[in-house]
N, C-alpha and C. Protein backbone atom coordinates (compact mmCIF):
# COMPACT_ATOMS: atom_id res chain seq x y z
N MET A 1 15.43 -4.12 12.81
CA MET A 1 14.07 -4.18 13.32
C MET A 1 13.06 -3.82 12.23
N GLN A 2 13.39 -2.80 11.43
CA GLN A 2 12.47 -2.38 10.37
C GLN A 2 12.33 -3.49 9.32
N LYS A 3 13.43 -4.17 9.00
CA LYS A 3 13.35 -5.26 8.03
C LYS A 3 12.46 -6.38 8.56
N LEU A 4 12.54 -6.65 9.86
CA LEU A 4 11.70 -7.67 10.46
C LEU A 4 10.23 -7.26 10.38
N LEU A 5 9.95 -5.99 10.64
CA LEU A 5 8.58 -5.49 10.54
C LEU A 5 8.05 -5.60 9.12
N ILE A 6 8.89 -5.27 8.15
CA ILE A 6 8.48 -5.37 6.74
C ILE A 6 8.21 -6.83 6.38
N LEU A 7 9.12 -7.73 6.80
CA LEU A 7 8.94 -9.14 6.51
C LEU A 7 7.66 -9.67 7.15
N LEU A 8 7.40 -9.29 8.37
CA LEU A 8 6.18 -9.71 9.05
C LEU A 8 4.95 -9.17 8.34
N THR A 9 4.98 -7.92 7.93
CA THR A 9 3.85 -7.31 7.22
C THR A 9 3.59 -8.04 5.90
N VAL A 10 4.65 -8.32 5.16
CA VAL A 10 4.51 -9.01 3.88
C VAL A 10 3.93 -10.41 4.10
N THR A 11 4.44 -11.11 5.10
CA THR A 11 3.96 -12.46 5.39
C THR A 11 2.48 -12.45 5.72
N ILE A 12 2.08 -11.55 6.59
CA ILE A 12 0.67 -11.45 6.97
C ILE A 12 -0.17 -11.05 5.76
N PHE A 13 0.32 -10.10 4.98
CA PHE A 13 -0.40 -9.65 3.80
C PHE A 13 -0.63 -10.82 2.84
N LEU A 14 0.43 -11.57 2.54
CA LEU A 14 0.30 -12.70 1.63
C LEU A 14 -0.60 -13.79 2.19
N LEU A 15 -0.44 -14.06 3.46
CA LEU A 15 -1.25 -15.09 4.10
C LEU A 15 -2.74 -14.77 3.99
N PHE A 16 -3.10 -13.56 4.32
CA PHE A 16 -4.52 -13.23 4.32
C PHE A 16 -5.07 -12.93 2.94
N ASN A 17 -4.25 -12.51 2.02
CA ASN A 17 -4.74 -12.31 0.67
C ASN A 17 -4.90 -13.62 -0.09
N ASN A 18 -4.12 -14.61 0.27
CA ASN A 18 -4.21 -15.89 -0.42
C ASN A 18 -5.16 -16.87 0.25
N PHE A 19 -5.32 -16.77 1.55
CA PHE A 19 -6.06 -17.79 2.27
C PHE A 19 -7.22 -17.27 3.11
N SER A 20 -7.58 -16.02 2.99
CA SER A 20 -8.62 -15.48 3.86
C SER A 20 -9.93 -15.34 3.12
N SER A 21 -10.56 -16.44 2.86
CA SER A 21 -11.88 -16.37 2.24
C SER A 21 -12.90 -16.92 3.21
N PRO A 22 -14.08 -16.32 3.25
CA PRO A 22 -15.12 -16.82 4.13
C PRO A 22 -15.44 -18.29 3.87
N ALA A 23 -15.31 -18.71 2.62
CA ALA A 23 -15.60 -20.11 2.29
C ALA A 23 -14.63 -21.06 2.99
N MET A 24 -13.42 -20.58 3.25
CA MET A 24 -12.43 -21.41 3.92
C MET A 24 -12.52 -21.26 5.43
N GLY A 25 -13.37 -20.37 5.90
CA GLY A 25 -13.53 -20.19 7.33
C GLY A 25 -12.51 -19.28 7.97
N PHE A 26 -11.73 -18.57 7.17
CA PHE A 26 -10.75 -17.65 7.71
C PHE A 26 -11.22 -16.22 7.49
N ALA A 27 -10.88 -15.37 8.40
CA ALA A 27 -11.15 -13.94 8.24
C ALA A 27 -9.98 -13.19 8.85
N PRO A 28 -9.57 -12.08 8.24
CA PRO A 28 -8.46 -11.34 8.80
C PRO A 28 -8.78 -10.80 10.18
N PRO A 29 -7.80 -10.75 11.07
CA PRO A 29 -8.05 -10.21 12.39
C PRO A 29 -8.47 -8.74 12.31
N LEU A 30 -9.16 -8.29 13.32
CA LEU A 30 -9.64 -6.91 13.34
C LEU A 30 -8.50 -5.92 13.26
N ALA A 31 -7.35 -6.24 13.84
CA ALA A 31 -6.21 -5.32 13.80
C ALA A 31 -5.78 -5.05 12.37
N ILE A 32 -5.76 -6.07 11.52
CA ILE A 32 -5.37 -5.86 10.12
C ILE A 32 -6.42 -5.03 9.41
N ALA A 33 -7.68 -5.29 9.67
CA ALA A 33 -8.75 -4.49 9.07
C ALA A 33 -8.62 -3.03 9.51
N ALA A 34 -8.32 -2.82 10.79
CA ALA A 34 -8.16 -1.46 11.30
C ALA A 34 -6.97 -0.78 10.64
N ASP A 35 -5.84 -1.52 10.46
CA ASP A 35 -4.67 -0.96 9.80
C ASP A 35 -4.98 -0.56 8.37
N THR A 36 -5.73 -1.40 7.66
CA THR A 36 -6.11 -1.09 6.29
C THR A 36 -7.00 0.14 6.26
N ASN A 37 -7.94 0.23 7.21
CA ASN A 37 -8.80 1.41 7.28
C ASN A 37 -7.98 2.66 7.55
N HIS A 38 -7.02 2.57 8.47
CA HIS A 38 -6.18 3.72 8.76
C HIS A 38 -5.32 4.06 7.55
N GLY A 39 -4.82 3.04 6.84
CA GLY A 39 -4.06 3.27 5.62
C GLY A 39 -4.88 4.02 4.59
N ALA A 40 -6.17 3.66 4.49
CA ALA A 40 -7.07 4.35 3.56
C ALA A 40 -7.25 5.81 3.96
N GLU A 41 -7.38 6.05 5.26
CA GLU A 41 -7.54 7.43 5.75
C GLU A 41 -6.29 8.26 5.47
N VAL A 42 -5.12 7.70 5.76
CA VAL A 42 -3.87 8.41 5.52
C VAL A 42 -3.69 8.66 4.02
N PHE A 43 -4.00 7.66 3.20
CA PHE A 43 -3.92 7.81 1.74
C PHE A 43 -4.84 8.95 1.30
N SER A 44 -6.03 8.98 1.82
CA SER A 44 -7.00 10.01 1.44
C SER A 44 -6.48 11.41 1.74
N VAL A 45 -5.82 11.57 2.87
CA VAL A 45 -5.32 12.88 3.28
C VAL A 45 -4.05 13.28 2.52
N HIS A 46 -3.11 12.33 2.39
CA HIS A 46 -1.78 12.67 1.88
C HIS A 46 -1.51 12.30 0.43
N CYS A 47 -2.26 11.36 -0.12
CA CYS A 47 -1.90 10.80 -1.44
C CYS A 47 -2.96 11.02 -2.52
N ALA A 48 -4.21 11.05 -2.13
CA ALA A 48 -5.30 11.06 -3.11
C ALA A 48 -5.31 12.33 -3.96
N GLY A 49 -4.69 13.38 -3.51
CA GLY A 49 -4.62 14.60 -4.32
C GLY A 49 -3.98 14.35 -5.67
N CYS A 50 -2.98 13.50 -5.71
CA CYS A 50 -2.31 13.12 -6.97
C CYS A 50 -2.74 11.75 -7.46
N HIS A 51 -3.15 10.88 -6.53
CA HIS A 51 -3.42 9.47 -6.88
C HIS A 51 -4.88 9.08 -6.64
N ILE A 52 -5.81 9.93 -6.98
CA ILE A 52 -7.22 9.61 -6.79
C ILE A 52 -7.57 8.33 -7.53
N ASN A 53 -8.23 7.43 -6.84
CA ASN A 53 -8.62 6.12 -7.40
C ASN A 53 -7.47 5.37 -8.05
N GLY A 54 -6.27 5.54 -7.50
CA GLY A 54 -5.11 4.83 -8.01
C GLY A 54 -4.50 5.43 -9.26
N GLY A 55 -5.00 6.57 -9.69
CA GLY A 55 -4.45 7.23 -10.87
C GLY A 55 -3.23 8.05 -10.53
N ASN A 56 -2.85 8.93 -11.44
CA ASN A 56 -1.74 9.85 -11.20
C ASN A 56 -1.99 11.08 -12.06
N ILE A 57 -2.28 12.20 -11.42
CA ILE A 57 -2.61 13.41 -12.18
C ILE A 57 -1.37 14.10 -12.74
N ILE A 58 -0.18 13.71 -12.26
CA ILE A 58 1.07 14.31 -12.74
C ILE A 58 1.61 13.54 -13.95
N ARG A 59 1.74 12.22 -13.79
CA ARG A 59 2.24 11.34 -14.86
C ARG A 59 1.30 10.16 -14.98
N ARG A 60 0.43 10.21 -15.96
CA ARG A 60 -0.66 9.23 -16.08
C ARG A 60 -0.20 7.78 -16.08
N GLY A 61 0.89 7.46 -16.74
CA GLY A 61 1.36 6.08 -16.82
C GLY A 61 1.95 5.56 -15.53
N LYS A 62 2.35 6.45 -14.64
CA LYS A 62 2.95 6.06 -13.36
C LYS A 62 1.87 6.06 -12.28
N ASN A 63 0.85 5.27 -12.52
CA ASN A 63 -0.28 5.23 -11.58
C ASN A 63 -0.11 4.07 -10.60
N LEU A 64 -1.09 3.84 -9.78
CA LEU A 64 -1.05 2.80 -8.76
C LEU A 64 -1.89 1.58 -9.13
N LYS A 65 -2.15 1.41 -10.40
CA LYS A 65 -2.88 0.24 -10.88
C LYS A 65 -1.91 -0.94 -10.90
N GLU A 66 -2.45 -2.14 -10.77
CA GLU A 66 -1.61 -3.33 -10.66
C GLU A 66 -0.64 -3.48 -11.83
N LYS A 67 -1.11 -3.25 -13.04
CA LYS A 67 -0.27 -3.40 -14.24
C LYS A 67 0.92 -2.44 -14.20
N ALA A 68 0.68 -1.19 -13.84
CA ALA A 68 1.76 -0.20 -13.77
C ALA A 68 2.72 -0.52 -12.63
N LEU A 69 2.18 -0.92 -11.49
CA LEU A 69 3.06 -1.26 -10.36
C LEU A 69 4.01 -2.39 -10.75
N LYS A 70 3.49 -3.40 -11.43
CA LYS A 70 4.34 -4.51 -11.87
C LYS A 70 5.36 -4.04 -12.91
N ARG A 71 4.92 -3.24 -13.86
CA ARG A 71 5.80 -2.75 -14.93
C ARG A 71 7.00 -2.00 -14.37
N TYR A 72 6.78 -1.20 -13.32
CA TYR A 72 7.84 -0.38 -12.76
C TYR A 72 8.50 -0.99 -11.52
N GLY A 73 8.20 -2.26 -11.23
CA GLY A 73 8.82 -2.92 -10.09
C GLY A 73 8.39 -2.36 -8.75
N MET A 74 7.17 -1.85 -8.70
CA MET A 74 6.63 -1.26 -7.48
C MET A 74 5.51 -2.12 -6.91
N ASP A 75 5.56 -3.41 -7.14
CA ASP A 75 4.48 -4.30 -6.73
C ASP A 75 4.79 -5.13 -5.48
N THR A 76 5.72 -4.63 -4.67
CA THR A 76 6.02 -5.29 -3.40
C THR A 76 5.87 -4.27 -2.27
N ILE A 77 5.66 -4.78 -1.07
CA ILE A 77 5.53 -3.90 0.09
C ILE A 77 6.80 -3.09 0.28
N GLU A 78 7.95 -3.72 0.03
CA GLU A 78 9.24 -3.02 0.19
C GLU A 78 9.35 -1.86 -0.79
N ALA A 79 9.00 -2.09 -2.04
CA ALA A 79 9.11 -1.05 -3.07
C ALA A 79 8.17 0.11 -2.79
N VAL A 80 6.93 -0.19 -2.43
CA VAL A 80 5.95 0.87 -2.17
C VAL A 80 6.35 1.64 -0.90
N THR A 81 6.78 0.92 0.12
CA THR A 81 7.24 1.57 1.35
C THR A 81 8.42 2.48 1.07
N SER A 82 9.35 2.02 0.25
CA SER A 82 10.53 2.81 -0.07
C SER A 82 10.19 4.09 -0.80
N ILE A 83 9.30 4.01 -1.78
CA ILE A 83 8.98 5.22 -2.55
C ILE A 83 8.15 6.20 -1.72
N ILE A 84 7.30 5.68 -0.83
CA ILE A 84 6.56 6.58 0.07
C ILE A 84 7.55 7.27 1.01
N THR A 85 8.48 6.51 1.54
CA THR A 85 9.45 7.04 2.50
C THR A 85 10.41 8.03 1.85
N ASN A 86 11.00 7.65 0.73
CA ASN A 86 12.11 8.41 0.14
C ASN A 86 11.73 9.27 -1.06
N GLY A 87 10.57 8.98 -1.66
CA GLY A 87 10.18 9.70 -2.87
C GLY A 87 11.02 9.27 -4.06
N LYS A 88 10.68 9.78 -5.23
CA LYS A 88 11.45 9.49 -6.44
C LYS A 88 10.91 10.39 -7.55
N ASN A 89 11.81 11.09 -8.22
CA ASN A 89 11.44 12.01 -9.29
C ASN A 89 10.35 12.97 -8.81
N ASN A 90 9.16 12.95 -9.43
CA ASN A 90 8.09 13.88 -9.04
C ASN A 90 7.39 13.49 -7.75
N MET A 91 7.62 12.27 -7.27
CA MET A 91 6.98 11.77 -6.05
C MET A 91 7.74 12.30 -4.84
N SER A 92 7.06 13.04 -3.99
CA SER A 92 7.67 13.59 -2.78
C SER A 92 7.93 12.49 -1.75
N ALA A 93 8.92 12.72 -0.91
CA ALA A 93 9.20 11.82 0.21
C ALA A 93 8.26 12.17 1.36
N TYR A 94 7.83 11.15 2.08
CA TYR A 94 6.91 11.37 3.19
C TYR A 94 7.49 10.93 4.54
N ALA A 95 8.78 10.66 4.60
CA ALA A 95 9.42 10.22 5.84
C ALA A 95 9.27 11.27 6.94
N ASP A 96 9.22 12.53 6.56
CA ASP A 96 9.10 13.60 7.55
C ASP A 96 7.65 13.95 7.88
N ARG A 97 6.70 13.36 7.17
CA ARG A 97 5.28 13.67 7.40
C ARG A 97 4.49 12.50 7.96
N LEU A 98 4.95 11.28 7.70
CA LEU A 98 4.23 10.08 8.15
C LEU A 98 5.13 9.24 9.04
N THR A 99 4.53 8.55 9.98
CA THR A 99 5.29 7.64 10.82
C THR A 99 5.60 6.37 10.02
N PRO A 100 6.59 5.60 10.44
CA PRO A 100 6.85 4.33 9.76
C PRO A 100 5.61 3.42 9.73
N GLN A 101 4.83 3.44 10.79
CA GLN A 101 3.59 2.64 10.83
C GLN A 101 2.59 3.13 9.78
N GLU A 102 2.43 4.43 9.66
CA GLU A 102 1.51 4.98 8.67
C GLU A 102 1.99 4.65 7.25
N ILE A 103 3.28 4.69 7.02
CA ILE A 103 3.83 4.35 5.71
C ILE A 103 3.53 2.89 5.38
N GLN A 104 3.69 2.00 6.35
CA GLN A 104 3.37 0.59 6.15
C GLN A 104 1.89 0.41 5.84
N GLU A 105 1.04 1.11 6.57
CA GLU A 105 -0.40 1.00 6.37
C GLU A 105 -0.81 1.50 4.98
N VAL A 106 -0.22 2.61 4.55
CA VAL A 106 -0.53 3.13 3.22
C VAL A 106 -0.03 2.17 2.14
N ALA A 107 1.17 1.64 2.31
CA ALA A 107 1.72 0.69 1.33
C ALA A 107 0.82 -0.54 1.22
N THR A 108 0.38 -1.05 2.35
CA THR A 108 -0.51 -2.21 2.36
C THR A 108 -1.82 -1.87 1.66
N TYR A 109 -2.37 -0.71 1.98
CA TYR A 109 -3.61 -0.26 1.35
C TYR A 109 -3.45 -0.15 -0.17
N VAL A 110 -2.36 0.45 -0.63
CA VAL A 110 -2.12 0.63 -2.07
C VAL A 110 -2.07 -0.73 -2.77
N LEU A 111 -1.34 -1.68 -2.21
CA LEU A 111 -1.24 -3.00 -2.85
C LEU A 111 -2.57 -3.73 -2.84
N GLU A 112 -3.32 -3.62 -1.75
CA GLU A 112 -4.64 -4.25 -1.69
C GLU A 112 -5.57 -3.64 -2.73
N GLN A 113 -5.57 -2.32 -2.83
CA GLN A 113 -6.43 -1.65 -3.80
C GLN A 113 -6.03 -1.99 -5.22
N ALA A 114 -4.74 -2.08 -5.48
CA ALA A 114 -4.28 -2.43 -6.84
C ALA A 114 -4.79 -3.82 -7.22
N GLN A 115 -4.79 -4.75 -6.27
CA GLN A 115 -5.26 -6.10 -6.56
C GLN A 115 -6.76 -6.14 -6.86
N THR A 116 -7.50 -5.23 -6.29
CA THR A 116 -8.95 -5.22 -6.49
C THR A 116 -9.40 -4.20 -7.55
N GLY A 117 -8.44 -3.57 -8.22
CA GLY A 117 -8.79 -2.62 -9.27
C GLY A 117 -9.27 -1.28 -8.74
N TRP A 118 -8.89 -0.93 -7.52
CA TRP A 118 -9.27 0.35 -6.91
C TRP A 118 -10.78 0.56 -6.87
N ARG A 119 -11.49 -0.46 -6.38
CA ARG A 119 -12.96 -0.35 -6.26
C ARG A 119 -13.36 0.30 -4.98
């Protein structure tokens, strides 16, 4: 079930990031906008202490910028979800602090922000 949810999230993410421009007459549904907003809120509370504006105060090169995410193979929803859930090295695991839905929302938010340069 979780794999199906991840696949659905990735599909929706790719669909709306590639084809959701006002010029084309498409706009993301309100639910996706709300999920992104909630992802931003959760990120602000749980992640921004170390990753303010996509940076990393512990290990500067291991930031959340698009170039670094690609370099370390963390540029997919599965990879970001996994590291949020399980942690790695200095990165704490959040499986016991966040719901699976919140983890998905934060992962989606991180990838969206990386694509826009954390503006």
